[in-house]
Every structure is written in structure tokens, then in C-alpha cells.
Amino acid sequence: MLLSTHPNLQACDDFYEALIATHQGLATAQSHALNARLVLLLANHIGHQGTLLHALELARASAGLAPAAADPVERGAVTPVALVHAAA
């Protein structure tokens, strides 16, 4: 599955307004956690590893950042943006 980068979102202004409204009243940490959950929900919906990795590369590049290191040792430790919840 290839990542489509052509405009495909219907009512994009409405979606943007809903996205902003979803973040209203949240602290920065809560907003980051919400974004992380949203990314994971959408990644699960897409489900194709190659497409998701391509999206990560494009997102870094569009932000003017160098590609992520492929070697886990080079990447270093990752600090999660949300608490991990144990199953009850």
C-alpha cells in the first residue's frame, strides 16, 4: 500500500476545527498524549507497516528534520508521552 499524499480529506476545514476543539482546555502534556493516541488509532486503522514507516519519514522531512537513525543504539532512549496503563 502506498501512502497517498494528494489532498483526500473531505471537509478539511471542519476536521481541523474538530481537531482544535478536541484539544481545548488540555494541558500541554494532555495534548501530547491525545496526539499520541490519535496517531496510534490511525496507524492501527492503516495497518500496513511500509505505509506507516513512509508516513514517519515524510513527517520528519516536512518538518525539516534529518531522517531518524535506523540503529536503535544510535536512536537512544525514548521517553513516552503518555503513561503506560497496566491491564486491570
N, C-alpha and C. Protein backbone atom coordinates (compact mmCIF):
# COMPACT_ATOMS: atom_id res chain seq x y z
N MET A 1 0.86 -1.18 0.00
CA MET A 1 0.00 0.00 0.00
C MET A 1 0.90 1.24 0.00
N LEU A 2 0.67 2.12 -0.92
CA LEU A 2 1.44 3.37 -0.98
C LEU A 2 0.72 4.46 -0.21
N LEU A 3 1.49 5.34 0.35
CA LEU A 3 0.93 6.46 1.09
C LEU A 3 0.47 7.52 0.10
N SER A 4 -0.78 7.89 0.17
CA SER A 4 -1.30 8.94 -0.68
C SER A 4 -1.00 10.30 -0.06
N THR A 5 -0.32 11.16 -0.80
CA THR A 5 -0.02 12.50 -0.30
C THR A 5 -0.83 13.56 -1.03
N HIS A 6 -1.76 13.12 -1.87
CA HIS A 6 -2.64 14.06 -2.57
C HIS A 6 -3.81 14.41 -1.66
N PRO A 7 -4.33 15.63 -1.76
CA PRO A 7 -5.47 16.01 -0.92
C PRO A 7 -6.61 15.00 -1.06
N ASN A 8 -7.06 14.48 0.06
CA ASN A 8 -8.09 13.44 0.05
C ASN A 8 -9.12 13.65 1.15
N LEU A 9 -8.89 14.60 2.01
CA LEU A 9 -9.75 14.82 3.16
C LEU A 9 -10.96 15.66 2.77
N GLN A 10 -12.14 15.11 2.98
CA GLN A 10 -13.36 15.86 2.71
C GLN A 10 -13.63 16.80 3.87
N ALA A 11 -14.10 17.98 3.58
CA ALA A 11 -14.42 18.98 4.62
C ALA A 11 -13.22 19.18 5.55
N CYS A 12 -12.06 19.45 4.96
CA CYS A 12 -10.83 19.56 5.75
C CYS A 12 -10.91 20.67 6.79
N ASP A 13 -11.57 21.78 6.48
CA ASP A 13 -11.70 22.86 7.48
C ASP A 13 -12.52 22.40 8.68
N ASP A 14 -13.57 21.64 8.42
CA ASP A 14 -14.40 21.12 9.51
C ASP A 14 -13.60 20.17 10.39
N PHE A 15 -12.79 19.30 9.75
CA PHE A 15 -11.97 18.37 10.52
C PHE A 15 -10.95 19.14 11.36
N TYR A 16 -10.31 20.15 10.77
CA TYR A 16 -9.32 20.93 11.51
C TYR A 16 -9.96 21.60 12.72
N GLU A 17 -11.16 22.16 12.55
CA GLU A 17 -11.86 22.78 13.67
C GLU A 17 -12.17 21.76 14.76
N ALA A 18 -12.57 20.54 14.37
CA ALA A 18 -12.86 19.49 15.34
C ALA A 18 -11.59 19.06 16.07
N LEU A 19 -10.48 18.98 15.34
CA LEU A 19 -9.20 18.63 15.96
C LEU A 19 -8.78 19.67 17.00
N ILE A 20 -8.89 20.93 16.63
CA ILE A 20 -8.55 22.01 17.57
C ILE A 20 -9.49 21.98 18.78
N ALA A 21 -10.77 21.78 18.55
CA ALA A 21 -11.74 21.73 19.65
C ALA A 21 -11.44 20.57 20.59
N THR A 22 -10.95 19.46 20.05
CA THR A 22 -10.62 18.30 20.87
C THR A 22 -9.50 18.63 21.86
N HIS A 23 -8.64 19.56 21.50
CA HIS A 23 -7.51 19.95 22.35
C HIS A 23 -7.85 21.10 23.31
N GLN A 24 -9.01 21.71 23.15
CA GLN A 24 -9.39 22.85 24.00
C GLN A 24 -9.37 22.44 25.47
N GLY A 25 -8.75 23.28 26.29
CA GLY A 25 -8.74 23.08 27.73
C GLY A 25 -7.73 22.06 28.24
N LEU A 26 -6.94 21.48 27.36
CA LEU A 26 -5.96 20.47 27.79
C LEU A 26 -4.62 21.13 28.13
N ALA A 27 -3.95 20.58 29.11
CA ALA A 27 -2.58 20.98 29.40
C ALA A 27 -1.70 20.43 28.28
N THR A 28 -0.49 20.95 28.16
CA THR A 28 0.41 20.53 27.10
C THR A 28 0.64 19.02 27.11
N ALA A 29 0.88 18.46 28.28
CA ALA A 29 1.12 17.01 28.38
C ALA A 29 -0.11 16.22 27.94
N GLN A 30 -1.30 16.71 28.30
CA GLN A 30 -2.54 16.04 27.89
C GLN A 30 -2.72 16.12 26.38
N SER A 31 -2.38 17.26 25.81
CA SER A 31 -2.49 17.45 24.36
C SER A 31 -1.54 16.51 23.63
N HIS A 32 -0.31 16.38 24.13
CA HIS A 32 0.65 15.46 23.52
C HIS A 32 0.16 14.02 23.63
N ALA A 33 -0.39 13.65 24.77
CA ALA A 33 -0.91 12.30 24.96
C ALA A 33 -2.08 12.04 24.02
N LEU A 34 -2.95 13.02 23.85
CA LEU A 34 -4.08 12.88 22.93
C LEU A 34 -3.58 12.67 21.49
N ASN A 35 -2.57 13.46 21.09
CA ASN A 35 -1.99 13.29 19.76
C ASN A 35 -1.39 11.91 19.58
N ALA A 36 -0.71 11.40 20.61
CA ALA A 36 -0.12 10.07 20.53
C ALA A 36 -1.20 9.01 20.36
N ARG A 37 -2.29 9.14 21.12
CA ARG A 37 -3.40 8.18 20.99
C ARG A 37 -4.02 8.24 19.60
N LEU A 38 -4.19 9.45 19.09
CA LEU A 38 -4.77 9.63 17.76
C LEU A 38 -3.89 8.99 16.69
N VAL A 39 -2.58 9.23 16.79
CA VAL A 39 -1.64 8.63 15.82
C VAL A 39 -1.73 7.11 15.89
N LEU A 40 -1.76 6.55 17.09
CA LEU A 40 -1.82 5.09 17.21
C LEU A 40 -3.15 4.52 16.71
N LEU A 41 -4.24 5.21 16.95
CA LEU A 41 -5.54 4.76 16.42
C LEU A 41 -5.54 4.76 14.89
N LEU A 42 -5.03 5.84 14.30
CA LEU A 42 -4.99 5.92 12.84
C LEU A 42 -3.99 4.94 12.25
N ALA A 43 -2.86 4.73 12.93
CA ALA A 43 -1.88 3.74 12.47
C ALA A 43 -2.49 2.35 12.49
N ASN A 44 -3.24 2.04 13.53
CA ASN A 44 -3.91 0.75 13.59
C ASN A 44 -4.91 0.60 12.45
N HIS A 45 -5.62 1.66 12.12
CA HIS A 45 -6.58 1.62 11.02
C HIS A 45 -5.88 1.37 9.69
N ILE A 46 -4.74 2.04 9.47
CA ILE A 46 -3.99 1.84 8.23
C ILE A 46 -3.41 0.44 8.20
N GLY A 47 -2.72 0.07 9.27
CA GLY A 47 -2.28 -1.30 9.45
C GLY A 47 -1.09 -1.78 8.62
N HIS A 48 -0.67 -1.07 7.62
CA HIS A 48 0.41 -1.52 6.74
C HIS A 48 1.72 -0.89 7.17
N GLN A 49 2.66 -1.73 7.63
CA GLN A 49 3.92 -1.24 8.20
C GLN A 49 4.69 -0.34 7.23
N GLY A 50 4.79 -0.74 5.96
CA GLY A 50 5.53 0.06 4.99
C GLY A 50 4.93 1.45 4.81
N THR A 51 3.62 1.51 4.77
CA THR A 51 2.93 2.80 4.63
C THR A 51 3.17 3.67 5.85
N LEU A 52 3.12 3.06 7.02
CA LEU A 52 3.34 3.82 8.26
C LEU A 52 4.77 4.33 8.36
N LEU A 53 5.73 3.52 7.98
CA LEU A 53 7.13 3.96 8.02
C LEU A 53 7.37 5.08 7.02
N HIS A 54 6.72 4.97 5.86
CA HIS A 54 6.83 6.04 4.86
C HIS A 54 6.24 7.34 5.41
N ALA A 55 5.12 7.24 6.10
CA ALA A 55 4.49 8.42 6.70
C ALA A 55 5.41 9.07 7.74
N LEU A 56 6.08 8.25 8.54
CA LEU A 56 7.02 8.78 9.53
C LEU A 56 8.16 9.52 8.85
N GLU A 57 8.70 8.94 7.78
CA GLU A 57 9.78 9.60 7.04
C GLU A 57 9.32 10.93 6.45
N LEU A 58 8.13 10.93 5.83
CA LEU A 58 7.62 12.17 5.23
C LEU A 58 7.36 13.24 6.29
N ALA A 59 6.84 12.83 7.45
CA ALA A 59 6.56 13.80 8.51
C ALA A 59 7.85 14.45 9.01
N ARG A 60 8.90 13.66 9.20
CA ARG A 60 10.18 14.23 9.63
C ARG A 60 10.73 15.17 8.57
N ALA A 61 10.70 14.72 7.32
CA ALA A 61 11.24 15.53 6.23
C ALA A 61 10.48 16.84 6.08
N SER A 62 9.15 16.80 6.20
CA SER A 62 8.36 18.02 6.03
C SER A 62 8.57 19.00 7.19
N ALA A 63 9.08 18.50 8.32
CA ALA A 63 9.40 19.36 9.45
C ALA A 63 10.84 19.85 9.38
N GLY A 64 11.54 19.49 8.30
CA GLY A 64 12.92 19.92 8.12
C GLY A 64 13.91 19.18 9.00
N LEU A 65 13.54 17.97 9.43
CA LEU A 65 14.39 17.18 10.32
C LEU A 65 15.12 16.11 9.52
N ALA A 66 16.29 15.74 10.00
CA ALA A 66 17.05 14.66 9.37
C ALA A 66 16.32 13.34 9.59
N PRO A 67 16.54 12.38 8.70
CA PRO A 67 15.91 11.06 8.90
C PRO A 67 16.30 10.47 10.25
N ALA A 68 15.40 9.69 10.82
CA ALA A 68 15.67 9.03 12.10
C ALA A 68 16.74 7.98 11.91
N ALA A 69 17.54 7.77 12.95
CA ALA A 69 18.57 6.74 12.91
C ALA A 69 17.91 5.37 12.84
N ALA A 70 18.42 4.51 11.96
CA ALA A 70 17.87 3.17 11.81
C ALA A 70 18.30 2.25 12.95
N ASP A 71 19.49 2.48 13.50
CA ASP A 71 20.05 1.65 14.56
C ASP A 71 19.47 2.08 15.91
N PRO A 72 18.83 1.15 16.65
CA PRO A 72 18.25 1.50 17.95
C PRO A 72 19.26 2.09 18.92
N VAL A 73 20.52 1.66 18.86
CA VAL A 73 21.55 2.20 19.76
C VAL A 73 21.81 3.66 19.43
N GLU A 74 21.82 4.01 18.14
CA GLU A 74 22.02 5.40 17.72
C GLU A 74 20.85 6.28 18.13
N ARG A 75 19.64 5.71 18.12
CA ARG A 75 18.45 6.49 18.47
C ARG A 75 18.45 6.88 19.93
N GLY A 76 18.97 6.03 20.79
CA GLY A 76 18.96 6.32 22.22
C GLY A 76 17.62 5.98 22.84
N ALA A 77 17.47 6.33 24.09
CA ALA A 77 16.25 6.03 24.83
C ALA A 77 15.10 6.88 24.34
N VAL A 78 13.92 6.32 24.41
CA VAL A 78 12.70 7.03 24.02
C VAL A 78 11.88 7.27 25.27
N THR A 79 11.46 8.50 25.47
CA THR A 79 10.60 8.85 26.59
C THR A 79 9.16 8.88 26.11
N PRO A 80 8.30 8.03 26.66
CA PRO A 80 6.91 8.03 26.22
C PRO A 80 6.21 9.33 26.58
N VAL A 81 5.23 9.71 25.75
CA VAL A 81 4.49 10.95 26.01
C VAL A 81 3.26 10.69 26.87
N ALA A 82 2.92 9.43 27.06
CA ALA A 82 1.75 9.11 27.88
C ALA A 82 2.12 7.97 28.81
N LEU A 83 1.48 7.92 29.96
CA LEU A 83 1.71 6.85 30.90
C LEU A 83 1.24 5.52 30.31
N VAL A 84 1.95 4.48 30.62
CA VAL A 84 1.55 3.14 30.20
C VAL A 84 0.62 2.59 31.28
N HIS A 85 -0.52 2.10 30.86
CA HIS A 85 -1.50 1.59 31.80
C HIS A 85 -1.46 0.07 31.83
N ALA A 86 -1.32 -0.49 33.00
CA ALA A 86 -1.33 -1.95 33.14
C ALA A 86 -2.77 -2.44 33.07
N ALA A 87 -2.93 -3.62 32.53
CA ALA A 87 -4.27 -4.21 32.45
C ALA A 87 -4.75 -4.53 33.87
N ALA A 88 -6.00 -4.25 34.12
CA ALA A 88 -6.55 -4.48 35.46
C ALA A 88 -6.95 -5.93 35.64
